[in-house]
């Protein structure tokens, strides 16, 4: 789980990301739900993008969350991942830690359209 603004982004092992409106912490409301890959493990938010690594499907997905009520899948990385455990974004790069003691570095491009390039390593 992570929080951005008035929203908490919660991953469920059943393959969904829930967006919870926490503007009133005493009365959180389910704002949206979107399908992810199998067994989402970790989420990292960078600006208007949420990167989700999914251990079961060996993927990293990039969602546009500029409208938290309607997250949109922008791109999916499938190459170079082995049971990904965590992701951190710095600049235009996503650093993904895999279960087999390897690190995958993927470049993210943001020219009106987000896509994940083939992993660098």
N, C-alpha and C. Protein backbone atom coordinates (compact mmCIF):
# COMPACT_ATOMS: atom_id res chain seq x y z
N UNK A 1 0.84 -1.17 0.00
CA UNK A 1 0.00 0.00 0.00
C UNK A 1 0.89 1.24 0.00
N UNK A 2 0.38 2.27 -0.67
CA UNK A 2 1.04 3.57 -0.61
C UNK A 2 -0.03 4.65 -0.66
N UNK A 3 0.34 5.84 -0.22
CA UNK A 3 -0.61 6.96 -0.19
C UNK A 3 -0.07 8.08 -1.06
N UNK A 4 -0.98 8.67 -1.85
CA UNK A 4 -0.65 9.83 -2.66
C UNK A 4 -1.83 10.80 -2.56
N UNK A 5 -1.58 11.96 -1.99
CA UNK A 5 -2.66 12.93 -1.81
C UNK A 5 -3.73 12.38 -0.88
N UNK A 6 -4.97 12.43 -1.33
CA UNK A 6 -6.10 11.95 -0.53
C UNK A 6 -6.48 10.51 -0.85
N UNK A 7 -5.57 9.77 -1.47
CA UNK A 7 -5.90 8.40 -1.89
C UNK A 7 -4.86 7.40 -1.41
N UNK A 8 -5.35 6.27 -0.98
CA UNK A 8 -4.49 5.13 -0.65
C UNK A 8 -4.64 4.12 -1.78
N UNK A 9 -3.53 3.61 -2.25
CA UNK A 9 -3.51 2.61 -3.32
C UNK A 9 -3.12 1.28 -2.69
N UNK A 10 -4.06 0.34 -2.73
CA UNK A 10 -3.91 -0.93 -2.03
C UNK A 10 -3.89 -2.06 -3.05
N UNK A 11 -2.87 -2.91 -2.98
CA UNK A 11 -2.79 -4.08 -3.87
C UNK A 11 -3.40 -5.28 -3.18
N UNK A 12 -4.19 -6.02 -3.92
CA UNK A 12 -4.78 -7.26 -3.43
C UNK A 12 -4.19 -8.43 -4.20
N UNK A 13 -3.84 -9.47 -3.50
CA UNK A 13 -3.22 -10.63 -4.14
C UNK A 13 -4.14 -11.30 -5.16
N UNK A 14 -5.43 -10.93 -5.16
CA UNK A 14 -6.35 -11.50 -6.13
C UNK A 14 -6.23 -10.84 -7.50
N UNK A 15 -5.31 -9.87 -7.64
CA UNK A 15 -5.07 -9.25 -8.93
C UNK A 15 -5.81 -7.94 -9.14
N UNK A 16 -5.91 -7.13 -8.09
CA UNK A 16 -6.53 -5.82 -8.24
C UNK A 16 -5.75 -4.76 -7.46
N UNK A 17 -5.92 -3.54 -7.93
CA UNK A 17 -5.44 -2.37 -7.19
C UNK A 17 -6.68 -1.58 -6.81
N UNK A 18 -6.86 -1.38 -5.52
CA UNK A 18 -8.00 -0.61 -5.01
C UNK A 18 -7.53 0.81 -4.72
N UNK A 19 -8.36 1.77 -5.07
CA UNK A 19 -8.09 3.16 -4.75
C UNK A 19 -9.10 3.57 -3.68
N UNK A 20 -8.58 3.98 -2.53
CA UNK A 20 -9.42 4.33 -1.39
C UNK A 20 -9.31 5.83 -1.13
N UNK A 21 -10.44 6.52 -1.12
CA UNK A 21 -10.47 7.94 -0.79
C UNK A 21 -10.34 8.08 0.72
N UNK A 22 -9.24 8.69 1.15
CA UNK A 22 -8.99 8.85 2.59
C UNK A 22 -9.03 10.32 3.00
N UNK A 23 -9.74 11.15 2.20
CA UNK A 23 -9.82 12.57 2.54
C UNK A 23 -10.45 12.77 3.92
N UNK A 24 -11.33 11.84 4.30
CA UNK A 24 -11.84 11.80 5.67
C UNK A 24 -11.34 10.49 6.28
N UNK A 25 -10.26 10.54 7.04
CA UNK A 25 -9.67 9.30 7.57
C UNK A 25 -10.62 8.48 8.43
N UNK A 26 -11.64 9.11 8.98
CA UNK A 26 -12.60 8.38 9.81
C UNK A 26 -13.67 7.67 8.97
N UNK A 27 -13.72 8.00 7.68
CA UNK A 27 -14.72 7.38 6.80
C UNK A 27 -14.12 7.15 5.41
N UNK A 28 -13.14 6.24 5.29
CA UNK A 28 -12.55 5.96 3.98
C UNK A 28 -13.60 5.35 3.03
N UNK A 29 -13.49 5.72 1.76
CA UNK A 29 -14.43 5.22 0.75
C UNK A 29 -13.69 4.57 -0.40
N UNK A 30 -14.21 3.46 -0.87
CA UNK A 30 -13.65 2.80 -2.04
C UNK A 30 -13.97 3.66 -3.26
N UNK A 31 -12.94 4.19 -3.93
CA UNK A 31 -13.13 5.11 -5.05
C UNK A 31 -13.05 4.42 -6.40
N UNK A 32 -12.18 3.40 -6.51
CA UNK A 32 -12.00 2.71 -7.80
C UNK A 32 -11.30 1.39 -7.58
N UNK A 33 -11.40 0.54 -8.58
CA UNK A 33 -10.71 -0.75 -8.58
C UNK A 33 -10.29 -1.04 -10.01
N UNK A 34 -9.07 -1.53 -10.18
CA UNK A 34 -8.58 -1.86 -11.52
C UNK A 34 -7.83 -3.18 -11.46
N UNK A 35 -7.96 -3.97 -12.51
CA UNK A 35 -7.27 -5.26 -12.57
C UNK A 35 -5.77 -5.05 -12.78
N UNK A 36 -4.98 -5.90 -12.12
CA UNK A 36 -3.53 -5.92 -12.30
C UNK A 36 -3.15 -7.31 -12.78
N UNK A 37 -1.86 -7.54 -12.92
CA UNK A 37 -1.39 -8.89 -13.20
C UNK A 37 -1.60 -9.78 -11.99
N UNK A 38 -1.17 -10.99 -12.11
CA UNK A 38 -1.34 -11.98 -11.05
C UNK A 38 -0.41 -11.69 -9.87
N UNK A 39 -0.95 -11.72 -8.68
CA UNK A 39 -0.21 -11.52 -7.44
C UNK A 39 0.58 -10.21 -7.41
N UNK A 40 -0.10 -9.07 -7.46
CA UNK A 40 0.62 -7.79 -7.35
C UNK A 40 1.34 -7.71 -6.01
N UNK A 41 2.59 -7.28 -6.06
CA UNK A 41 3.45 -7.35 -4.89
C UNK A 41 3.78 -5.99 -4.30
N UNK A 42 4.17 -5.05 -5.16
CA UNK A 42 4.61 -3.74 -4.69
C UNK A 42 4.14 -2.66 -5.64
N UNK A 43 3.85 -1.49 -5.08
CA UNK A 43 3.45 -0.33 -5.88
C UNK A 43 4.37 0.83 -5.56
N UNK A 44 4.71 1.61 -6.60
CA UNK A 44 5.51 2.82 -6.42
C UNK A 44 4.85 3.92 -7.24
N UNK A 45 4.58 5.05 -6.63
CA UNK A 45 3.95 6.15 -7.34
C UNK A 45 4.99 7.22 -7.63
N UNK A 46 5.00 7.65 -8.90
CA UNK A 46 5.89 8.71 -9.35
C UNK A 46 5.04 9.68 -10.17
N UNK A 47 4.72 10.82 -9.58
CA UNK A 47 3.87 11.79 -10.28
C UNK A 47 2.48 11.24 -10.52
N UNK A 48 2.08 11.19 -11.80
CA UNK A 48 0.75 10.68 -12.15
C UNK A 48 0.78 9.21 -12.53
N UNK A 49 1.90 8.54 -12.27
CA UNK A 49 2.03 7.14 -12.66
C UNK A 49 2.22 6.24 -11.44
N UNK A 50 1.58 5.10 -11.48
CA UNK A 50 1.75 4.06 -10.46
C UNK A 50 2.37 2.85 -11.15
N UNK A 51 3.52 2.43 -10.66
CA UNK A 51 4.18 1.23 -11.18
C UNK A 51 3.89 0.08 -10.22
N UNK A 52 3.37 -1.01 -10.76
CA UNK A 52 2.99 -2.17 -9.96
C UNK A 52 3.76 -3.38 -10.47
N UNK A 53 4.50 -4.06 -9.58
CA UNK A 53 5.14 -5.31 -9.97
C UNK A 53 4.27 -6.46 -9.51
N UNK A 54 4.12 -7.43 -10.40
CA UNK A 54 3.24 -8.58 -10.15
C UNK A 54 4.07 -9.85 -10.21
N UNK A 55 4.25 -10.48 -9.05
CA UNK A 55 5.12 -11.65 -8.94
C UNK A 55 4.57 -12.84 -9.72
N UNK A 56 3.27 -13.05 -9.66
CA UNK A 56 2.68 -14.22 -10.31
C UNK A 56 2.74 -14.19 -11.82
N UNK A 57 2.64 -13.00 -12.40
CA UNK A 57 2.66 -12.88 -13.86
C UNK A 57 3.99 -12.37 -14.39
N UNK A 58 4.97 -12.16 -13.49
CA UNK A 58 6.30 -11.66 -13.89
C UNK A 58 6.18 -10.41 -14.75
N UNK A 59 5.45 -9.41 -14.25
CA UNK A 59 5.24 -8.18 -15.00
C UNK A 59 5.43 -6.96 -14.12
N UNK A 60 5.69 -5.83 -14.79
CA UNK A 60 5.55 -4.53 -14.16
C UNK A 60 4.57 -3.76 -15.02
N UNK A 61 3.55 -3.21 -14.38
CA UNK A 61 2.54 -2.45 -15.10
C UNK A 61 2.62 -0.99 -14.69
N UNK A 62 2.39 -0.11 -15.67
CA UNK A 62 2.37 1.33 -15.41
C UNK A 62 0.95 1.83 -15.62
N UNK A 63 0.37 2.42 -14.56
CA UNK A 63 -0.97 2.96 -14.61
C UNK A 63 -0.91 4.48 -14.55
N UNK A 64 -1.76 5.15 -15.32
CA UNK A 64 -1.94 6.59 -15.21
C UNK A 64 -2.99 6.80 -14.12
N UNK A 65 -2.61 7.52 -13.06
CA UNK A 65 -3.53 7.76 -11.95
C UNK A 65 -3.84 9.25 -11.82
N UNK A 66 -3.73 10.00 -12.93
CA UNK A 66 -4.04 11.43 -12.87
C UNK A 66 -5.49 11.65 -12.44
N UNK A 67 -6.36 10.71 -12.79
CA UNK A 67 -7.73 10.70 -12.27
C UNK A 67 -7.84 9.47 -11.38
N UNK A 68 -7.71 9.62 -10.07
CA UNK A 68 -7.73 8.46 -9.18
C UNK A 68 -9.02 7.65 -9.26
N UNK A 69 -10.09 8.25 -9.77
CA UNK A 69 -11.36 7.53 -9.88
C UNK A 69 -11.39 6.61 -11.10
N UNK A 70 -10.39 6.75 -11.99
CA UNK A 70 -10.36 5.93 -13.20
C UNK A 70 -8.91 5.65 -13.61
N UNK A 71 -8.17 4.84 -12.84
CA UNK A 71 -6.79 4.50 -13.22
C UNK A 71 -6.79 3.77 -14.57
N UNK A 72 -5.79 4.09 -15.40
CA UNK A 72 -5.72 3.52 -16.74
C UNK A 72 -4.39 2.82 -16.95
N UNK A 73 -4.44 1.57 -17.40
CA UNK A 73 -3.21 0.84 -17.72
C UNK A 73 -2.57 1.45 -18.95
N UNK A 74 -1.31 1.85 -18.84
CA UNK A 74 -0.60 2.48 -19.95
C UNK A 74 0.35 1.52 -20.65
N UNK A 75 1.03 0.65 -19.87
CA UNK A 75 2.04 -0.22 -20.45
C UNK A 75 2.36 -1.36 -19.50
N UNK A 76 2.87 -2.45 -20.07
CA UNK A 76 3.27 -3.62 -19.28
C UNK A 76 4.64 -4.10 -19.74
N UNK A 77 5.55 -4.28 -18.79
CA UNK A 77 6.86 -4.86 -19.06
C UNK A 77 6.81 -6.34 -18.72
N UNK A 78 7.24 -7.17 -19.65
CA UNK A 78 7.24 -8.61 -19.41
C UNK A 78 8.63 -9.22 -19.52
N UNK A 79 9.57 -8.51 -20.12
CA UNK A 79 10.91 -9.06 -20.34
C UNK A 79 11.82 -8.81 -19.14
N UNK A 80 12.66 -9.78 -18.84
CA UNK A 80 13.72 -9.60 -17.85
C UNK A 80 13.29 -9.68 -16.40
N UNK A 81 12.07 -10.11 -16.13
CA UNK A 81 11.61 -10.18 -14.75
C UNK A 81 11.51 -11.62 -14.29
N UNK A 82 11.84 -11.84 -13.01
CA UNK A 82 11.75 -13.17 -12.43
C UNK A 82 11.19 -13.05 -11.02
N UNK A 83 9.88 -13.23 -10.88
CA UNK A 83 9.17 -13.09 -9.62
C UNK A 83 9.53 -11.75 -8.97
N UNK A 84 9.21 -10.63 -9.65
CA UNK A 84 9.59 -9.31 -9.13
C UNK A 84 9.00 -9.03 -7.76
N UNK A 85 9.83 -8.46 -6.89
CA UNK A 85 9.46 -8.21 -5.50
C UNK A 85 9.22 -6.74 -5.18
N UNK A 86 9.98 -5.85 -5.80
CA UNK A 86 9.83 -4.43 -5.49
C UNK A 86 10.25 -3.58 -6.67
N UNK A 87 9.80 -2.33 -6.67
CA UNK A 87 10.14 -1.39 -7.73
C UNK A 87 10.29 0.01 -7.13
N UNK A 88 11.28 0.72 -7.64
CA UNK A 88 11.48 2.13 -7.30
C UNK A 88 11.76 2.85 -8.60
N UNK A 89 11.19 4.04 -8.74
CA UNK A 89 11.41 4.84 -9.94
C UNK A 89 12.26 6.04 -9.58
N UNK A 90 13.28 6.28 -10.41
CA UNK A 90 14.11 7.46 -10.26
C UNK A 90 14.31 8.05 -11.65
N UNK A 91 13.83 9.27 -11.84
CA UNK A 91 13.90 9.87 -13.18
C UNK A 91 13.08 9.06 -14.16
N UNK A 92 13.68 8.69 -15.27
CA UNK A 92 12.99 7.89 -16.29
C UNK A 92 13.31 6.40 -16.19
N UNK A 93 13.84 5.97 -15.05
CA UNK A 93 14.21 4.57 -14.92
C UNK A 93 13.45 3.90 -13.78
N UNK A 94 13.04 2.67 -14.03
CA UNK A 94 12.41 1.83 -13.00
C UNK A 94 13.43 0.76 -12.62
N UNK A 95 13.68 0.62 -11.33
CA UNK A 95 14.61 -0.37 -10.80
C UNK A 95 13.78 -1.45 -10.13
N UNK A 96 13.85 -2.65 -10.67
CA UNK A 96 12.99 -3.74 -10.22
C UNK A 96 13.85 -4.85 -9.63
N UNK A 97 13.60 -5.18 -8.36
CA UNK A 97 14.32 -6.24 -7.67
C UNK A 97 13.56 -7.55 -7.88
N UNK A 98 14.28 -8.57 -8.35
CA UNK A 98 13.69 -9.87 -8.61
C UNK A 98 14.05 -10.87 -7.52
N UNK A 99 13.26 -11.92 -7.43
CA UNK A 99 13.46 -12.95 -6.42
C UNK A 99 14.75 -13.75 -6.61
N UNK A 100 15.28 -13.77 -7.83
CA UNK A 100 16.48 -14.56 -8.11
C UNK A 100 17.76 -13.74 -7.90
N UNK A 101 17.70 -12.75 -7.00
CA UNK A 101 18.85 -11.90 -6.68
C UNK A 101 19.35 -11.10 -7.88
N UNK A 102 18.44 -10.70 -8.76
CA UNK A 102 18.84 -9.88 -9.90
C UNK A 102 18.08 -8.56 -9.88
N UNK A 103 18.63 -7.59 -10.58
CA UNK A 103 18.03 -6.27 -10.70
C UNK A 103 17.74 -6.01 -12.17
N UNK A 104 16.51 -5.65 -12.47
CA UNK A 104 16.14 -5.26 -13.82
C UNK A 104 15.98 -3.75 -13.84
N UNK A 105 16.62 -3.10 -14.80
CA UNK A 105 16.49 -1.66 -14.97
C UNK A 105 15.78 -1.43 -16.29
N UNK A 106 14.66 -0.74 -16.24
CA UNK A 106 13.88 -0.47 -17.46
C UNK A 106 13.72 1.03 -17.62
N UNK A 107 13.80 1.49 -18.85
CA UNK A 107 13.62 2.91 -19.12
C UNK A 107 12.15 3.19 -19.41
N UNK A 108 11.63 4.23 -18.78
CA UNK A 108 10.24 4.66 -18.99
C UNK A 108 10.26 5.88 -19.90
N UNK A 109 9.41 5.88 -20.90
CA UNK A 109 9.32 7.03 -21.80
C UNK A 109 7.99 7.72 -21.58
N UNK A 110 8.01 9.05 -21.53
CA UNK A 110 6.78 9.80 -21.22
C UNK A 110 6.55 10.92 -22.23
N UNK A 111 6.31 10.59 -23.47
CA UNK A 111 6.00 11.59 -24.50
C UNK A 111 4.53 11.47 -24.86
N UNK A 112 3.68 12.01 -24.02
CA UNK A 112 2.22 11.90 -24.16
C UNK A 112 1.75 10.46 -24.07
N UNK A 113 2.63 9.54 -24.15
CA UNK A 113 2.29 8.12 -24.08
C UNK A 113 3.38 7.44 -23.26
N UNK A 114 2.97 6.60 -22.35
CA UNK A 114 3.95 5.90 -21.52
C UNK A 114 4.17 4.52 -22.11
N UNK A 115 5.42 4.15 -22.22
CA UNK A 115 5.73 2.79 -22.62
C UNK A 115 6.97 2.36 -21.86
N UNK A 116 7.09 1.08 -21.65
CA UNK A 116 8.26 0.55 -20.96
C UNK A 116 9.12 -0.11 -22.00
N UNK A 117 10.35 0.35 -22.10
CA UNK A 117 11.28 -0.21 -23.07
C UNK A 117 11.79 -1.55 -22.57
N UNK A 118 12.47 -2.25 -23.44
CA UNK A 118 13.11 -3.52 -23.07
C UNK A 118 14.07 -3.23 -21.92
N UNK A 119 14.14 -4.11 -20.94
CA UNK A 119 15.02 -3.84 -19.80
C UNK A 119 16.47 -3.67 -20.22
N UNK A 120 17.15 -2.78 -19.52
CA UNK A 120 18.56 -2.52 -19.80
C UNK A 120 19.42 -3.63 -19.25
N UNK A 121 19.06 -4.12 -18.09
CA UNK A 121 19.86 -5.19 -17.47
C UNK A 121 18.95 -6.10 -16.71
